[in-house]
Amino acid sequence: MLRTALRSSLFRPAVLGANRVFAARFLSQEARAQIQNAVSSSPVVLFMKGTPSHPECGFSRAAIQVLQLQEVPEEKLKTYNVLVDPELRSGIKEFSDWPTIPQLYVNGEFVGGCDILLSMHQSGELETFLENSNIIPKVEGEAVPVSASV
């Protein structure tokens, strides 16, 4: 998917103090546009290791399980297996400026990785966020019966 665009990315060594060197990699505009198109392709986008039916790491499994517990409709969810495209695997990290996978996007906005997703789920914030983002229907509060006057 993104291989050719990411291959043309620049790879520049940069020198820090005391002879420490790190490699800075910059996404090409074409690669950035392709990732942006992927992020915008569906209301909920998850970059993960493996597939929803066969996650290939515990963090990706946990992310899929949380989305299932939140009852995110399959038609609103698009996943990308970063293990089939090494350039996507490194490019998405640079795109989001987030070092780990999985990565969740909702309505084109980066939400976070597995740790953020789990924390939001446990606090109830994820449900509210998904409701406010029109991903899942809002749950109306239970009607409290009005007691008759005595």
Protein backbone atom coordinates (compact mmCIF):
# COMPACT_ATOMS: atom_id res chain seq x y z
CA MET A 1 0.00 0.00 0.00
CA LEU A 2 2.46 2.62 1.13
CA ARG A 3 5.72 0.91 0.19
CA THR A 4 6.75 2.99 -2.80
CA ALA A 5 5.83 6.28 -1.20
CA LEU A 6 7.62 5.45 2.03
CA ARG A 7 10.72 4.15 0.26
CA SER A 8 11.24 7.61 -1.14
CA SER A 9 11.24 9.04 2.39
CA LEU A 10 14.36 10.82 3.44
CA PHE A 11 16.68 9.14 5.88
CA ARG A 12 19.13 11.53 7.51
CA PRO A 13 21.52 10.87 10.35
CA ALA A 14 21.70 13.68 12.85
CA VAL A 15 24.39 14.23 15.44
CA LEU A 16 23.55 15.00 19.03
CA GLY A 17 26.14 16.06 21.56
CA ALA A 18 28.95 13.69 22.67
CA ASN A 19 29.04 11.79 19.36
CA ARG A 20 25.58 10.33 19.83
CA VAL A 21 23.84 9.80 16.51
CA PHE A 22 20.20 9.12 15.80
CA ALA A 23 18.39 8.62 12.53
CA ALA A 24 15.65 11.02 11.57
CA ARG A 25 13.20 9.72 9.01
CA PHE A 26 10.82 12.02 7.27
CA LEU A 27 7.69 10.88 5.50
CA SER A 28 7.35 12.02 1.94
CA GLN A 29 4.31 14.14 1.16
CA GLU A 30 2.95 11.24 -0.90
CA ALA A 31 3.29 8.78 2.00
CA ARG A 32 1.77 11.27 4.42
CA ALA A 33 -1.18 11.79 2.04
CA GLN A 34 -1.70 8.02 1.71
CA ILE A 35 -1.72 7.56 5.47
CA GLN A 36 -4.07 10.53 5.85
CA ASN A 37 -6.40 8.92 3.29
CA ALA A 38 -6.26 5.66 5.28
CA VAL A 39 -7.02 7.51 8.53
CA SER A 40 -9.97 9.24 6.85
CA SER A 41 -11.27 6.09 5.14
CA SER A 42 -13.68 5.15 7.91
CA PRO A 43 -15.10 6.69 11.10
CA VAL A 44 -12.93 4.33 13.20
CA VAL A 45 -9.50 3.25 11.98
CA LEU A 46 -7.18 0.92 13.85
CA PHE A 47 -3.60 0.26 12.81
CA MET A 48 -2.78 -3.05 14.42
CA LYS A 49 -0.60 -6.15 14.28
CA GLY A 50 -2.68 -8.83 12.62
CA THR A 51 -6.38 -8.73 11.87
CA PRO A 52 -9.46 -8.46 14.09
CA SER A 53 -10.08 -12.19 13.74
CA HIS A 54 -6.39 -13.04 14.23
CA PRO A 55 -4.55 -10.35 16.24
CA GLU A 56 -0.82 -11.02 16.38
CA CYS A 57 0.00 -9.26 19.64
CA GLY A 58 -1.71 -8.88 22.98
CA PHE A 59 -2.06 -5.12 22.67
CA SER A 60 -3.81 -5.41 19.31
CA ARG A 61 -6.06 -8.12 20.77
CA ALA A 62 -6.93 -5.86 23.70
CA ALA A 63 -7.72 -2.92 21.38
CA ILE A 64 -10.06 -5.07 19.26
CA GLN A 65 -11.74 -6.47 22.38
CA VAL A 66 -12.37 -2.97 23.75
CA LEU A 67 -13.89 -1.84 20.44
CA GLN A 68 -16.09 -4.96 20.46
CA LEU A 69 -17.15 -4.31 24.07
CA GLN A 70 -18.08 -0.77 23.03
CA GLU A 71 -20.12 -2.33 20.20
CA VAL A 72 -18.43 -0.32 17.46
CA PRO A 73 -20.29 -1.40 14.29
CA GLU A 74 -18.15 -3.38 11.85
CA GLU A 75 -19.21 -1.10 9.00
CA LYS A 76 -17.67 1.88 10.86
CA LEU A 77 -14.36 0.12 11.59
CA LYS A 78 -11.43 -0.24 9.21
CA THR A 79 -8.25 -1.98 10.30
CA TYR A 80 -4.79 -2.03 8.75
CA ASN A 81 -2.33 -4.84 9.46
CA VAL A 82 1.05 -3.14 9.81
CA LEU A 83 2.84 -6.49 9.71
CA VAL A 84 2.21 -6.86 5.97
CA ASP A 85 3.81 -3.50 5.16
CA PRO A 86 7.00 -2.56 7.07
CA GLU A 87 6.92 0.96 5.65
CA LEU A 88 3.41 1.46 6.99
CA ARG A 89 4.54 0.11 10.35
CA SER A 90 7.25 2.75 10.67
CA GLY A 91 5.38 5.46 8.75
CA ILE A 92 2.31 5.42 10.97
CA LYS A 93 4.53 5.94 14.02
CA GLU A 94 6.03 9.05 12.44
CA PHE A 95 2.65 10.23 11.16
CA SER A 96 1.10 10.16 14.63
CA ASP A 97 4.30 10.86 16.55
CA TRP A 98 3.33 7.84 18.69
CA PRO A 99 5.90 5.06 19.18
CA THR A 100 3.66 2.01 19.52
CA ILE A 101 1.04 -0.01 17.69
CA PRO A 102 -1.94 -0.37 17.83
CA GLN A 103 -3.06 3.15 17.06
CA LEU A 104 -6.69 4.25 17.04
CA TYR A 105 -8.19 7.10 15.00
CA VAL A 106 -11.77 8.29 15.32
CA ASN A 107 -13.19 10.61 12.68
CA GLY A 108 -9.66 11.26 11.44
CA GLU A 109 -8.35 12.24 14.89
CA PHE A 110 -5.62 10.28 16.66
CA VAL A 111 -6.95 8.90 19.96
CA GLY A 112 -3.98 6.88 21.20
CA GLY A 113 -2.54 3.45 21.66
CA CYS A 114 -3.66 0.46 23.68
CA ASP A 115 -2.85 2.02 27.06
CA ILE A 116 -4.91 5.13 26.33
CA LEU A 117 -7.76 3.05 24.89
CA LEU A 118 -7.86 0.78 27.97
CA SER A 119 -7.74 3.72 30.35
CA MET A 120 -10.56 5.51 28.51
CA HIS A 121 -12.62 2.29 28.48
CA GLN A 122 -12.15 1.68 32.20
CA SER A 123 -13.11 5.23 33.13
CA GLY A 124 -16.17 5.31 30.85
CA GLU A 125 -14.63 8.14 28.82
CA LEU A 126 -14.35 5.99 25.67
CA GLU A 127 -18.08 5.27 25.58
CA THR A 128 -18.88 8.96 25.92
CA PHE A 129 -16.29 9.85 23.29
CA LEU A 130 -17.68 7.27 20.83
CA GLU A 131 -21.23 8.46 21.49
CA ASN A 132 -20.30 12.11 20.98
CA SER A 133 -18.43 11.13 17.79
CA ASN A 134 -21.58 9.40 16.46
CA ILE A 135 -19.85 6.02 16.33
CA ILE A 136 -22.19 4.28 18.74
CA PRO A 137 -25.72 5.32 19.71
CA LYS A 138 -26.15 7.28 22.91
CA VAL A 139 -27.58 5.20 25.70
CA GLU A 140 -30.51 6.97 27.24
CA GLY A 141 -30.70 6.85 31.01
CA GLU A 142 -33.24 4.53 32.55
CA ALA A 143 -36.57 6.18 33.11
CA VAL A 144 -37.24 6.68 36.77
CA PRO A 145 -40.87 5.87 37.53
CA VAL A 146 -42.79 8.69 39.08
CA SER A 147 -44.43 7.47 42.25
CA ALA A 148 -48.08 8.27 42.75
CA SER A 149 -48.97 10.73 45.48
CA VAL A 150 -50.12 9.11 48.68
